Amino acid sequence: MQKVKACGVLVFRKEPRPEFLVMKHRHRFDLPKGHLEVGETDVECALREMWEETGIPQDSVQLDPDFQYQEVYYPYEARFGSGFQWLPWKPPHKVQRYTFDPLLAKLERYFQERKLL
């Protein structure tokens, strides 16, 4: 099986209320993410994919360099989203057990440790 690297970004906003952005797929949610192009850094890829999938300009977000999350999995088919939506930040989250929930749990701990919310 050929290895493919993809990068994404979890977009979070505090105002008007704490929410995070998800891409809507037929039976699941996902991050705005996609394949790394030749010569791109992980951050460049993540920001490009965010813009391509949501229309959110790259210069309108502020990245937290201290928070990163890596996940390895084996997709069995490519799927295209049907838009995006903002979900309320109300931990503990039960979005998707094996993919999204571990990321959101790590982010919740990060927020608590740094008293960010």
PDB file of N, CA and C in Angstrom:
ATOM      1  N   MET A   1       0.840  -1.180   0.000  1.00  0.00           N
ATOM      2  CA  MET A   1       0.000   0.000   0.000  1.00  0.00           C
ATOM      3  C   MET A   1       0.883   1.240   0.000  1.00  0.00           C
ATOM      4  N   GLN A   2       0.597   2.167  -0.886  1.00  0.00           N
ATOM      5  CA  GLN A   2       1.360   3.392  -1.006  1.00  0.00           C
ATOM      6  C   GLN A   2       1.036   4.338   0.144  1.00  0.00           C
ATOM      7  N   LYS A   3       2.071   4.922   0.733  1.00  0.00           N
ATOM      8  CA  LYS A   3       1.862   5.891   1.804  1.00  0.00           C
ATOM      9  C   LYS A   3       1.558   7.258   1.202  1.00  0.00           C
ATOM     10  N   VAL A   4       0.571   7.913   1.767  1.00  0.00           N
ATOM     11  CA  VAL A   4       0.189   9.257   1.342  1.00  0.00           C
ATOM     12  C   VAL A   4       0.120  10.121   2.590  1.00  0.00           C
ATOM     13  N   LYS A   5       0.748  11.273   2.529  1.00  0.00           N
ATOM     14  CA  LYS A   5       0.711  12.174   3.676  1.00  0.00           C
ATOM     15  C   LYS A   5      -0.311  13.272   3.416  1.00  0.00           C
ATOM     16  N   ALA A   6      -1.151  13.506   4.400  1.00  0.00           N
ATOM     17  CA  ALA A   6      -2.143  14.576   4.330  1.00  0.00           C
ATOM     18  C   ALA A   6      -1.998  15.439   5.579  1.00  0.00           C
ATOM     19  N   CYS A   7      -2.346  16.695   5.452  1.00  0.00           N
ATOM     20  CA  CYS A   7      -2.273  17.626   6.571  1.00  0.00           C
ATOM     21  C   CYS A   7      -3.591  18.382   6.672  1.00  0.00           C
ATOM     22  N   GLY A   8      -3.953  18.690   7.889  1.00  0.00           N
ATOM     23  CA  GLY A   8      -5.191  19.421   8.114  1.00  0.00           C
ATOM     24  C   GLY A   8      -5.043  20.373   9.276  1.00  0.00           C
ATOM     25  N   VAL A   9      -6.112  21.088   9.533  1.00  0.00           N
ATOM     26  CA  VAL A   9      -6.097  22.065  10.610  1.00  0.00           C
ATOM     27  C   VAL A   9      -7.454  22.040  11.310  1.00  0.00           C
ATOM     28  N   LEU A  10      -7.407  22.114  12.630  1.00  0.00           N
ATOM     29  CA  LEU A  10      -8.635  22.246  13.410  1.00  0.00           C
ATOM     30  C   LEU A  10      -8.851  23.739  13.633  1.00  0.00           C
ATOM     31  N   VAL A  11      -9.901  24.268  13.044  1.00  0.00           N
ATOM     32  CA  VAL A  11     -10.206  25.691  13.161  1.00  0.00           C
ATOM     33  C   VAL A  11     -11.133  25.868  14.357  1.00  0.00           C
ATOM     34  N   PHE A  12     -10.714  26.711  15.289  1.00  0.00           N
ATOM     35  CA  PHE A  12     -11.454  26.942  16.529  1.00  0.00           C
ATOM     36  C   PHE A  12     -11.666  28.439  16.679  1.00  0.00           C
ATOM     37  N   ARG A  13     -12.840  28.810  17.138  1.00  0.00           N
ATOM     38  CA  ARG A  13     -13.089  30.222  17.425  1.00  0.00           C
ATOM     39  C   ARG A  13     -13.750  30.354  18.795  1.00  0.00           C
ATOM     40  N   LYS A  14     -13.430  31.463  19.472  1.00  0.00           N
ATOM     41  CA  LYS A  14     -13.998  31.725  20.798  1.00  0.00           C
ATOM     42  C   LYS A  14     -15.248  32.588  20.717  1.00  0.00           C
ATOM     43  N   GLU A  15     -15.353  33.427  19.701  1.00  0.00           N
ATOM     44  CA  GLU A  15     -16.473  34.362  19.562  1.00  0.00           C
ATOM     45  C   GLU A  15     -17.286  34.022  18.328  1.00  0.00           C
ATOM     46  N   PRO A  16     -18.582  34.105  18.333  1.00  0.00           N
ATOM     47  CA  PRO A  16     -19.429  34.586  19.418  1.00  0.00           C
ATOM     48  C   PRO A  16     -19.552  33.591  20.568  1.00  0.00           C
ATOM     49  N   ARG A  17     -19.206  32.322  20.345  1.00  0.00           N
ATOM     50  CA  ARG A  17     -19.172  31.299  21.399  1.00  0.00           C
ATOM     51  C   ARG A  17     -18.130  30.268  20.969  1.00  0.00           C
ATOM     52  N   PRO A  18     -17.568  29.502  21.894  1.00  0.00           N
ATOM     53  CA  PRO A  18     -16.557  28.512  21.511  1.00  0.00           C
ATOM     54  C   PRO A  18     -17.127  27.451  20.558  1.00  0.00           C
ATOM     55  N   GLU A  19     -16.504  27.342  19.380  1.00  0.00           N
ATOM     56  CA  GLU A  19     -16.933  26.383  18.360  1.00  0.00           C
ATOM     57  C   GLU A  19     -15.721  25.914  17.570  1.00  0.00           C
ATOM     58  N   PHE A  20     -15.870  24.756  16.938  1.00  0.00           N
ATOM     59  CA  PHE A  20     -14.839  24.283  16.025  1.00  0.00           C
ATOM     60  C   PHE A  20     -15.480  23.880  14.711  1.00  0.00           C
ATOM     61  N   LEU A  21     -14.697  23.986  13.652  1.00  0.00           N
ATOM     62  CA  LEU A  21     -15.204  23.770  12.306  1.00  0.00           C
ATOM     63  C   LEU A  21     -14.962  22.332  11.864  1.00  0.00           C
ATOM     64  N   VAL A  22     -15.964  21.740  11.246  1.00  0.00           N
ATOM     65  CA  VAL A  22     -15.830  20.388  10.695  1.00  0.00           C
ATOM     66  C   VAL A  22     -16.325  20.382   9.257  1.00  0.00           C
ATOM     67  N   MET A  23     -15.743  19.510   8.470  1.00  0.00           N
ATOM     68  CA  MET A  23     -16.219  19.263   7.113  1.00  0.00           C
ATOM     69  C   MET A  23     -17.304  18.207   7.215  1.00  0.00           C
ATOM     70  N   LYS A  24     -18.388  18.418   6.500  1.00  0.00           N
ATOM     71  CA  LYS A  24     -19.491  17.455   6.514  1.00  0.00           C
ATOM     72  C   LYS A  24     -19.319  16.474   5.356  1.00  0.00           C
ATOM     73  N   HIS A  25     -19.380  15.203   5.689  1.00  0.00           N
ATOM     74  CA  HIS A  25     -19.385  14.131   4.698  1.00  0.00           C
ATOM     75  C   HIS A  25     -20.688  13.359   4.888  1.00  0.00           C
ATOM     76  N   ARG A  26     -20.948  12.437   4.031  1.00  0.00           N
ATOM     77  CA  ARG A  26     -22.237  11.744   4.052  1.00  0.00           C
ATOM     78  C   ARG A  26     -22.584  11.159   5.420  1.00  0.00           C
ATOM     79  N   HIS A  27     -21.654  10.422   6.016  1.00  0.00           N
ATOM     80  CA  HIS A  27     -21.933   9.767   7.304  1.00  0.00           C
ATOM     81  C   HIS A  27     -20.900  10.107   8.374  1.00  0.00           C
ATOM     82  N   ARG A  28     -20.179  11.199   8.190  1.00  0.00           N
ATOM     83  CA  ARG A  28     -19.124  11.498   9.151  1.00  0.00           C
ATOM     84  C   ARG A  28     -18.686  12.953   9.026  1.00  0.00           C
ATOM     85  N   PHE A  29     -17.894  13.370   9.993  1.00  0.00           N
ATOM     86  CA  PHE A  29     -17.255  14.677   9.965  1.00  0.00           C
ATOM     87  C   PHE A  29     -15.757  14.473   9.791  1.00  0.00           C
ATOM     88  N   ASP A  30     -15.066  15.512   9.365  1.00  0.00           N
ATOM     89  CA  ASP A  30     -13.619  15.449   9.213  1.00  0.00           C
ATOM     90  C   ASP A  30     -13.056  16.858   9.336  1.00  0.00           C
ATOM     91  N   LEU A  31     -11.742  16.954   9.411  1.00  0.00           N
ATOM     92  CA  LEU A  31     -11.062  18.238   9.367  1.00  0.00           C
ATOM     93  C   LEU A  31     -10.928  18.686   7.921  1.00  0.00           C
ATOM     94  N   PRO A  32     -10.781  19.993   7.690  1.00  0.00           N
ATOM     95  CA  PRO A  32     -10.337  20.401   6.365  1.00  0.00           C
ATOM     96  C   PRO A  32      -8.895  19.909   6.218  1.00  0.00           C
ATOM     97  N   LYS A  33      -8.676  19.030   5.271  1.00  0.00           N
ATOM     98  CA  LYS A  33      -7.330  18.468   5.096  1.00  0.00           C
ATOM     99  C   LYS A  33      -7.192  17.899   3.699  1.00  0.00           C
ATOM    100  N   GLY A  34      -5.950  17.619   3.334  1.00  0.00           N
ATOM    101  CA  GLY A  34      -5.708  17.026   2.026  1.00  0.00           C
ATOM    102  C   GLY A  34      -4.254  16.651   1.855  1.00  0.00           C
ATOM    103  N   HIS A  35      -3.953  16.152   0.676  1.00  0.00           N
ATOM    104  CA  HIS A  35      -2.626  15.620   0.379  1.00  0.00           C
ATOM    105  C   HIS A  35      -1.565  16.711   0.292  1.00  0.00           C
ATOM    106  N   LEU A  36      -0.410  16.372   0.805  1.00  0.00           N
ATOM    107  CA  LEU A  36       0.757  17.240   0.756  1.00  0.00           C
ATOM    108  C   LEU A  36       1.269  17.286  -0.679  1.00  0.00           C
ATOM    109  N   GLU A  37       1.470  18.487  -1.200  1.00  0.00           N
ATOM    110  CA  GLU A  37       2.014  18.646  -2.541  1.00  0.00           C
ATOM    111  C   GLU A  37       3.528  18.763  -2.462  1.00  0.00           C
ATOM    112  N   VAL A  38       4.199  18.416  -3.545  1.00  0.00           N
ATOM    113  CA  VAL A  38       5.659  18.452  -3.603  1.00  0.00           C
ATOM    114  C   VAL A  38       6.145  19.859  -3.253  1.00  0.00           C
ATOM    115  N   GLY A  39       7.098  19.932  -2.331  1.00  0.00           N
ATOM    116  CA  GLY A  39       7.689  21.196  -1.936  1.00  0.00           C
ATOM    117  C   GLY A  39       6.942  21.938  -0.838  1.00  0.00           C
ATOM    118  N   GLU A  40       5.799  21.434  -0.419  1.00  0.00           N
ATOM    119  CA  GLU A  40       5.000  22.085   0.619  1.00  0.00           C
ATOM    120  C   GLU A  40       5.421  21.617   2.004  1.00  0.00           C
ATOM    121  N   THR A  41       5.345  22.519   2.975  1.00  0.00           N
ATOM    122  CA  THR A  41       5.504  22.109   4.368  1.00  0.00           C
ATOM    123  C   THR A  41       4.148  21.621   4.875  1.00  0.00           C
ATOM    124  N   ASP A  42       4.156  20.969   6.023  1.00  0.00           N
ATOM    125  CA  ASP A  42       2.898  20.510   6.616  1.00  0.00           C
ATOM    126  C   ASP A  42       1.942  21.678   6.863  1.00  0.00           C
ATOM    127  N   VAL A  43       2.468  22.773   7.390  1.00  0.00           N
ATOM    128  CA  VAL A  43       1.635  23.940   7.696  1.00  0.00           C
ATOM    129  C   VAL A  43       1.086  24.559   6.416  1.00  0.00           C
ATOM    130  N   GLU A  44       1.921  24.689   5.392  1.00  0.00           N
ATOM    131  CA  GLU A  44       1.445  25.237   4.117  1.00  0.00           C
ATOM    132  C   GLU A  44       0.321  24.383   3.544  1.00  0.00           C
ATOM    133  N   CYS A  45       0.476  23.073   3.617  1.00  0.00           N
ATOM    134  CA  CYS A  45      -0.551  22.156   3.127  1.00  0.00           C
ATOM    135  C   CYS A  45      -1.847  22.336   3.914  1.00  0.00           C
ATOM    136  N   ALA A  46      -1.751  22.351   5.230  1.00  0.00           N
ATOM    137  CA  ALA A  46      -2.944  22.467   6.074  1.00  0.00           C
ATOM    138  C   ALA A  46      -3.697  23.766   5.795  1.00  0.00           C
ATOM    139  N   LEU A  47      -2.969  24.870   5.677  1.00  0.00           N
ATOM    140  CA  LEU A  47      -3.617  26.159   5.424  1.00  0.00           C
ATOM    141  C   LEU A  47      -4.208  26.230   4.016  1.00  0.00           C
ATOM    142  N   ARG A  48      -3.515  25.667   3.044  1.00  0.00           N
ATOM    143  CA  ARG A  48      -4.047  25.640   1.679  1.00  0.00           C
ATOM    144  C   ARG A  48      -5.337  24.836   1.628  1.00  0.00           C
ATOM    145  N   GLU A  49      -5.337  23.677   2.253  1.00  0.00           N
ATOM    146  CA  GLU A  49      -6.532  22.832   2.257  1.00  0.00           C
ATOM    147  C   GLU A  49      -7.692  23.512   2.984  1.00  0.00           C
ATOM    148  N   MET A  50      -7.390  24.207   4.080  1.00  0.00           N
ATOM    149  CA  MET A  50      -8.436  24.940   4.791  1.00  0.00           C
ATOM    150  C   MET A  50      -9.085  25.957   3.860  1.00  0.00           C
ATOM    151  N   TRP A  51      -8.259  26.706   3.145  1.00  0.00           N
ATOM    152  CA  TRP A  51      -8.782  27.716   2.230  1.00  0.00           C
ATOM    153  C   TRP A  51      -9.568  27.071   1.086  1.00  0.00           C
ATOM    154  N   GLU A  52      -9.020  26.010   0.490  1.00  0.00           N
ATOM    155  CA  GLU A  52      -9.698  25.353  -0.627  1.00  0.00           C
ATOM    156  C   GLU A  52     -11.047  24.767  -0.221  1.00  0.00           C
ATOM    157  N   GLU A  53     -11.134  24.214   0.975  1.00  0.00           N
ATOM    158  CA  GLU A  53     -12.349  23.511   1.388  1.00  0.00           C
ATOM    159  C   GLU A  53     -13.374  24.397   2.089  1.00  0.00           C
ATOM    160  N   THR A  54     -12.929  25.531   2.644  1.00  0.00           N
ATOM    161  CA  THR A  54     -13.861  26.373   3.405  1.00  0.00           C
ATOM    162  C   THR A  54     -13.963  27.802   2.890  1.00  0.00           C
ATOM    163  N   GLY A  55     -12.950  28.248   2.162  1.00  0.00           N
ATOM    164  CA  GLY A  55     -12.916  29.643   1.733  1.00  0.00           C
ATOM    165  C   GLY A  55     -12.380  30.580   2.798  1.00  0.00           C
ATOM    166  N   ILE A  56     -11.960  30.044   3.940  1.00  0.00           N
ATOM    167  CA  ILE A  56     -11.385  30.875   5.006  1.00  0.00           C
ATOM    168  C   ILE A  56      -9.970  31.260   4.589  1.00  0.00           C
ATOM    169  N   PRO A  57      -9.680  32.564   4.473  1.00  0.00           N
ATOM    170  CA  PRO A  57      -8.346  32.994   4.055  1.00  0.00           C
ATOM    171  C   PRO A  57      -7.275  32.580   5.071  1.00  0.00           C
ATOM    172  N   GLN A  58      -6.128  32.201   4.555  1.00  0.00           N
ATOM    173  CA  GLN A  58      -5.036  31.738   5.409  1.00  0.00           C
ATOM    174  C   GLN A  58      -4.592  32.804   6.399  1.00  0.00           C
ATOM    175  N   ASP A  59      -4.644  34.063   5.992  1.00  0.00           N
ATOM    176  CA  ASP A  59      -4.172  35.126   6.879  1.00  0.00           C
ATOM    177  C   ASP A  59      -5.206  35.542   7.925  1.00  0.00           C
ATOM    178  N   SER A  60      -6.352  34.866   7.954  1.00  0.00           N
ATOM    179  CA  SER A  60      -7.368  35.202   8.960  1.00  0.00           C
ATOM    180  C   SER A  60      -7.341  34.252  10.155  1.00  0.00           C
ATOM    181  N   VAL A  61      -6.400  33.313  10.162  1.00  0.00           N
ATOM    182  CA  VAL A  61      -6.278  32.390  11.291  1.00  0.00           C
ATOM    183  C   VAL A  61      -4.920  32.574  11.959  1.00  0.00           C
ATOM    184  N   GLN A  62      -4.886  32.260  13.231  1.00  0.00           N
ATOM    185  CA  GLN A  62      -3.644  32.310  13.999  1.00  0.00           C
ATOM    186  C   GLN A  62      -3.356  30.898  14.482  1.00  0.00           C
ATOM    187  N   LEU A  63      -2.228  30.349  14.071  1.00  0.00           N
ATOM    188  CA  LEU A  63      -1.862  28.995  14.477  1.00  0.00           C
ATOM    189  C   LEU A  63      -1.199  29.014  15.843  1.00  0.00           C
ATOM    190  N   ASP A  64      -1.465  27.995  16.632  1.00  0.00           N
ATOM    191  CA  ASP A  64      -0.801  27.816  17.918  1.00  0.00           C
ATOM    192  C   ASP A  64       0.347  26.839  17.686  1.00  0.00           C
ATOM    193  N   PRO A  65       1.587  27.317  17.679  1.00  0.00           N
ATOM    194  CA  PRO A  65       2.720  26.444  17.373  1.00  0.00           C
ATOM    195  C   PRO A  65       2.975  25.375  18.432  1.00  0.00           C
ATOM    196  N   ASP A  66       2.354  25.504  19.604  1.00  0.00           N
ATOM    197  CA  ASP A  66       2.580  24.539  20.677  1.00  0.00           C
ATOM    198  C   ASP A  66       1.619  23.361  20.643  1.00  0.00           C
ATOM    199  N   PHE A  67       0.620  23.405  19.771  1.00  0.00           N
ATOM    200  CA  PHE A  67      -0.343  22.303  19.708  1.00  0.00           C
ATOM    201  C   PHE A  67      -0.253  21.619  18.355  1.00  0.00           C
ATOM    202  N   GLN A  68       0.037  20.317  18.394  1.00  0.00           N
ATOM    203  CA  GLN A  68       0.051  19.499  17.180  1.00  0.00           C
ATOM    204  C   GLN A  68      -0.550  18.152  17.507  1.00  0.00           C
ATOM    205  N   TYR A  69      -1.090  17.526  16.490  1.00  0.00           N
ATOM    206  CA  TYR A  69      -1.706  16.212  16.652  1.00  0.00           C
ATOM    207  C   TYR A  69      -1.399  15.417  15.400  1.00  0.00           C
ATOM    208  N   GLN A  70      -0.972  14.188  15.596  1.00  0.00           N
ATOM    209  CA  GLN A  70      -0.660  13.330  14.452  1.00  0.00           C
ATOM    210  C   GLN A  70      -1.436  12.038  14.579  1.00  0.00           C
ATOM    211  N   GLU A  71      -1.984  11.602  13.475  1.00  0.00           N
ATOM    212  CA  GLU A  71      -2.754  10.361  13.441  1.00  0.00           C
ATOM    213  C   GLU A  71      -2.375   9.591  12.184  1.00  0.00           C
ATOM    214  N   VAL A  72      -2.199   8.302  12.327  1.00  0.00           N
ATOM    215  CA  VAL A  72      -1.914   7.444  11.181  1.00  0.00           C
ATOM    216  C   VAL A  72      -3.092   6.505  11.004  1.00  0.00           C
ATOM    217  N   TYR A  73      -3.624   6.481   9.805  1.00  0.00           N
ATOM    218  CA  TYR A  73      -4.721   5.562   9.507  1.00  0.00           C
ATOM    219  C   TYR A  73      -4.676   5.204   8.033  1.00  0.00           C
ATOM    220  N   TYR A  74      -5.481   4.250   7.667  1.00  0.00           N
ATOM    221  CA  TYR A  74      -5.467   3.711   6.317  1.00  0.00           C
ATOM    222  C   TYR A  74      -6.842   3.870   5.683  1.00  0.00           C
ATOM    223  N   PRO A  75      -7.030   4.957   4.914  1.00  0.00           N
ATOM    224  CA  PRO A  75      -8.325   5.144   4.263  1.00  0.00           C
ATOM    225  C   PRO A  75      -8.524   4.120   3.157  1.00  0.00           C
ATOM    226  N   TYR A  76      -9.765   3.756   2.946  1.00  0.00           N
ATOM    227  CA  TYR A  76     -10.034   2.769   1.911  1.00  0.00           C
ATOM    228  C   TYR A  76     -10.703   3.376   0.692  1.00  0.00           C
ATOM    229  N   GLU A  77     -11.129   4.620   0.775  1.00  0.00           N
ATOM    230  CA  GLU A  77     -11.666   5.299  -0.398  1.00  0.00           C
ATOM    231  C   GLU A  77     -11.650   6.799  -0.163  1.00  0.00           C
ATOM    232  N   ALA A  78     -11.561   7.535  -1.253  1.00  0.00           N
ATOM    233  CA  ALA A  78     -11.612   8.988  -1.153  1.00  0.00           C
ATOM    234  C   ALA A  78     -13.065   9.429  -1.120  1.00  0.00           C
ATOM    235  N   ARG A  79     -13.333  10.420  -0.288  1.00  0.00           N
ATOM    236  CA  ARG A  79     -14.694  10.955  -0.200  1.00  0.00           C
ATOM    237  C   ARG A  79     -14.620  12.464  -0.258  1.00  0.00           C
ATOM    238  N   PHE A  80     -15.621  13.035  -0.837  1.00  0.00           N
ATOM    239  CA  PHE A  80     -15.661  14.483  -0.946  1.00  0.00           C
ATOM    240  C   PHE A  80     -16.741  15.023  -0.036  1.00  0.00           C
ATOM    241  N   GLY A  81     -16.441  16.148   0.584  1.00  0.00           N
ATOM    242  CA  GLY A  81     -17.364  16.734   1.537  1.00  0.00           C
ATOM    243  C   GLY A  81     -18.522  17.456   0.880  1.00  0.00           C
ATOM    244  N   SER A  82     -19.488  17.756   1.692  1.00  0.00           N
ATOM    245  CA  SER A  82     -20.659  18.487   1.210  1.00  0.00           C
ATOM    246  C   SER A  82     -20.810  19.787   1.993  1.00  0.00           C
ATOM    247  N   GLY A  83     -19.694  20.450   2.249  1.00  0.00           N
ATOM    248  CA  GLY A  83     -19.725  21.707   2.982  1.00  0.00           C
ATOM    249  C   GLY A  83     -19.115  21.570   4.363  1.00  0.00           C
ATOM    250  N   PHE A  84     -19.320  22.595   5.162  1.00  0.00           N
ATOM    251  CA  PHE A  84     -18.771  22.577   6.516  1.00  0.00           C
ATOM    252  C   PHE A  84     -19.767  23.208   7.465  1.00  0.00           C
ATOM    253  N   GLN A  85     -19.524  22.997   8.762  1.00  0.00           N
ATOM    254  CA  GLN A  85     -20.363  23.624   9.776  1.00  0.00           C
ATOM    255  C   GLN A  85     -19.555  23.804  11.048  1.00  0.00           C
ATOM    256  N   TRP A  86     -20.040  24.693  11.912  1.00  0.00           N
ATOM    257  CA  TRP A  86     -19.425  24.932  13.211  1.00  0.00           C
ATOM    258  C   TRP A  86     -20.167  24.110  14.252  1.00  0.00           C
ATOM    259  N   LEU A  87     -19.416  23.365  15.069  1.00  0.00           N
ATOM    260  CA  LEU A  87     -19.997  22.591  16.163  1.00  0.00           C
ATOM    261  C   LEU A  87     -19.646  23.267  17.485  1.00  0.00           C
ATOM    262  N   PRO A  88     -20.563  23.266  18.447  1.00  0.00           N
ATOM    263  CA  PRO A  88     -20.277  23.901  19.738  1.00  0.00           C
ATOM    264  C   PRO A  88     -19.202  23.139  20.507  1.00  0.00           C
ATOM    265  N   TRP A  89     -18.387  23.895  21.228  1.00  0.00           N
ATOM    266  CA  TRP A  89     -17.360  23.291  22.076  1.00  0.00           C
ATOM    267  C   TRP A  89     -18.003  22.952  23.411  1.00  0.00           C
ATOM    268  N   LYS A  90     -18.392  21.684  23.559  1.00  0.00           N
ATOM    269  CA  LYS A  90     -19.029  21.214  24.789  1.00  0.00           C
ATOM    270  C   LYS A  90     -18.444  19.849  25.149  1.00  0.00           C
ATOM    271  N   PRO A  91     -17.244  19.834  25.723  1.00  0.00           N
ATOM    272  CA  PRO A  91     -16.629  18.550  26.064  1.00  0.00           C
ATOM    273  C   PRO A  91     -17.427  17.810  27.125  1.00  0.00           C
ATOM    274  N   PRO A  92     -17.332  16.497  27.211  1.00  0.00           N
ATOM    275  CA  PRO A  92     -16.565  15.631  26.299  1.00  0.00           C
ATOM    276  C   PRO A  92     -17.305  15.456  24.978  1.00  0.00           C
ATOM    277  N   HIS A  93     -16.553  15.411  23.913  1.00  0.00           N
ATOM    278  CA  HIS A  93     -17.133  15.324  22.576  1.00  0.00           C
ATOM    279  C   HIS A  93     -17.322  13.884  22.145  1.00  0.00           C
ATOM    280  N   LYS A  94     -18.375  13.667  21.428  1.00  0.00           N
ATOM    281  CA  LYS A  94     -18.644  12.361  20.825  1.00  0.00           C
ATOM    282  C   LYS A  94     -19.005  12.612  19.364  1.00  0.00           C
ATOM    283  N   VAL A  95     -17.975  12.942  18.590  1.00  0.00           N
ATOM    284  CA  VAL A  95     -18.150  13.243  17.170  1.00  0.00           C
ATOM    285  C   VAL A  95     -17.878  11.989  16.357  1.00  0.00           C
ATOM    286  N   GLN A  96     -16.659  11.463  16.494  1.00  0.00           N
ATOM    287  CA  GLN A  96     -16.256  10.209  15.850  1.00  0.00           C
ATOM    288  C   GLN A  96     -15.239   9.535  16.748  1.00  0.00           C
ATOM    289  N   ARG A  97     -15.564   8.378  17.185  1.00  0.00           N
ATOM    290  CA  ARG A  97     -14.827   7.682  18.236  1.00  0.00           C
ATOM    291  C   ARG A  97     -13.335   7.518  17.959  1.00  0.00           C
ATOM    292  N   TYR A  98     -12.962   7.092  16.773  1.00  0.00           N
ATOM    293  CA  TYR A  98     -11.559   6.746  16.523  1.00  0.00           C
ATOM    294  C   TYR A  98     -10.756   7.851  15.860  1.00  0.00           C
ATOM    295  N   THR A  99     -11.400   8.828  15.275  1.00  0.00           N
ATOM    296  CA  THR A  99     -10.645   9.849  14.561  1.00  0.00           C
ATOM    297  C   THR A  99     -10.723  11.212  15.243  1.00  0.00           C
ATOM    298  N   PHE A 100     -11.903  11.754  15.375  1.00  0.00           N
ATOM    299  CA  PHE A 100     -12.062  13.107  15.895  1.00  0.00           C
ATOM    300  C   PHE A 100     -11.964  13.179  17.411  1.00  0.00           C
ATOM    301  N   ASP A 101     -12.586  12.258  18.116  1.00  0.00           N
ATOM    302  CA  ASP A 101     -12.663  12.345  19.578  1.00  0.00           C
ATOM    303  C   ASP A 101     -11.297  12.376  20.260  1.00  0.00           C
ATOM    304  N   PRO A 102     -10.299  11.567  19.840  1.00  0.00           N
ATOM    305  CA  PRO A 102      -8.977  11.674  20.479  1.00  0.00           C
ATOM    306  C   PRO A 102      -8.335  13.051  20.281  1.00  0.00           C
ATOM    307  N   LEU A 103      -8.502  13.633  19.109  1.00  0.00           N
ATOM    308  CA  LEU A 103      -7.983  14.976  18.853  1.00  0.00           C
ATOM    309  C   LEU A 103      -8.661  15.996  19.763  1.00  0.00           C
ATOM    310  N   LEU A 104      -9.977  15.932  19.868  1.00  0.00           N
ATOM    311  CA  LEU A 104     -10.707  16.887  20.699  1.00  0.00           C
ATOM    312  C   LEU A 104     -10.387  16.709  22.179  1.00  0.00           C
ATOM    313  N   ALA A 105     -10.146  15.477  22.613  1.00  0.00           N
ATOM    314  CA  ALA A 105      -9.758  15.230  24.007  1.00  0.00           C
ATOM    315  C   ALA A 105      -8.384  15.842  24.295  1.00  0.00           C
ATOM    316  N   LYS A 106      -7.454  15.686  23.349  1.00  0.00           N
ATOM    317  CA  LYS A 106      -6.128  16.277  23.528  1.00  0.00           C
ATOM    318  C   LYS A 106      -6.230  17.798  23.565  1.00  0.00           C
ATOM    319  N   LEU A 107      -7.053  18.374  22.698  1.00  0.00           N
ATOM    320  CA  LEU A 107      -7.229  19.821  22.681  1.00  0.00           C
ATOM    321  C   LEU A 107      -7.877  20.316  23.974  1.00  0.00           C
ATOM    322  N   GLU A 108      -8.831  19.569  24.498  1.00  0.00           N
ATOM    323  CA  GLU A 108      -9.464  19.944  25.766  1.00  0.00           C
ATOM    324  C   GLU A 108      -8.431  19.985  26.896  1.00  0.00           C
ATOM    325  N   ARG A 109      -7.560  18.966  26.976  1.00  0.00           N
ATOM    326  CA  ARG A 109      -6.497  18.958  27.996  1.00  0.00           C
ATOM    327  C   ARG A 109      -5.557  20.153  27.811  1.00  0.00           C
ATOM    328  N   TYR A 110      -5.228  20.433  26.560  1.00  0.00           N
ATOM    329  CA  TYR A 110      -4.353  21.563  26.242  1.00  0.00           C
ATOM    330  C   TYR A 110      -4.972  22.873  26.730  1.00  0.00           C
ATOM    331  N   PHE A 111      -6.248  23.081  26.449  1.00  0.00           N
ATOM    332  CA  PHE A 111      -6.951  24.284  26.909  1.00  0.00           C
ATOM    333  C   PHE A 111      -6.956  24.360  28.435  1.00  0.00           C
ATOM    334  N   GLN A 112      -7.218  23.237  29.107  1.00  0.00           N
ATOM    335  CA  GLN A 112      -7.274  23.220  30.571  1.00  0.00           C
ATOM    336  C   GLN A 112      -5.913  23.524  31.185  1.00  0.00           C
ATOM    337  N   GLU A 113      -4.862  22.898  30.662  1.00  0.00           N
ATOM    338  CA  GLU A 113      -3.514  23.108  31.202  1.00  0.00           C
ATOM    339  C   GLU A 113      -3.082  24.566  31.092  1.00  0.00           C
ATOM    340  N   ARG A 114      -3.480  25.223  30.036  1.00  0.00           N
ATOM    341  CA  ARG A 114      -3.065  26.601  29.789  1.00  0.00           C
ATOM    342  C   ARG A 114      -4.135  27.626  30.160  1.00  0.00           C
ATOM    343  N   LYS A 115      -5.255  27.126  30.701  1.00  0.00           N
ATOM    344  CA  LYS A 115      -6.369  28.000  31.100  1.00  0.00           C
ATOM    345  C   LYS A 115      -6.773  28.939  29.962  1.00  0.00           C
ATOM    346  N   LEU A 116      -6.968  28.350  28.781  1.00  0.00           N
ATOM    347  CA  LEU A 116      -7.294  29.132  27.585  1.00  0.00           C
ATOM    348  C   LEU A 116      -8.790  29.351  27.396  1.00  0.00           C
ATOM    349  N   LEU A 117      -9.608  28.573  28.060  1.00  0.00           N
ATOM    350  CA  LEU A 117     -11.065  28.771  27.961  1.00  0.00           C
ATOM    351  C   LEU A 117     -11.659  28.934  29.340  1.00  0.00           C
TER     352      LEU A 117
END
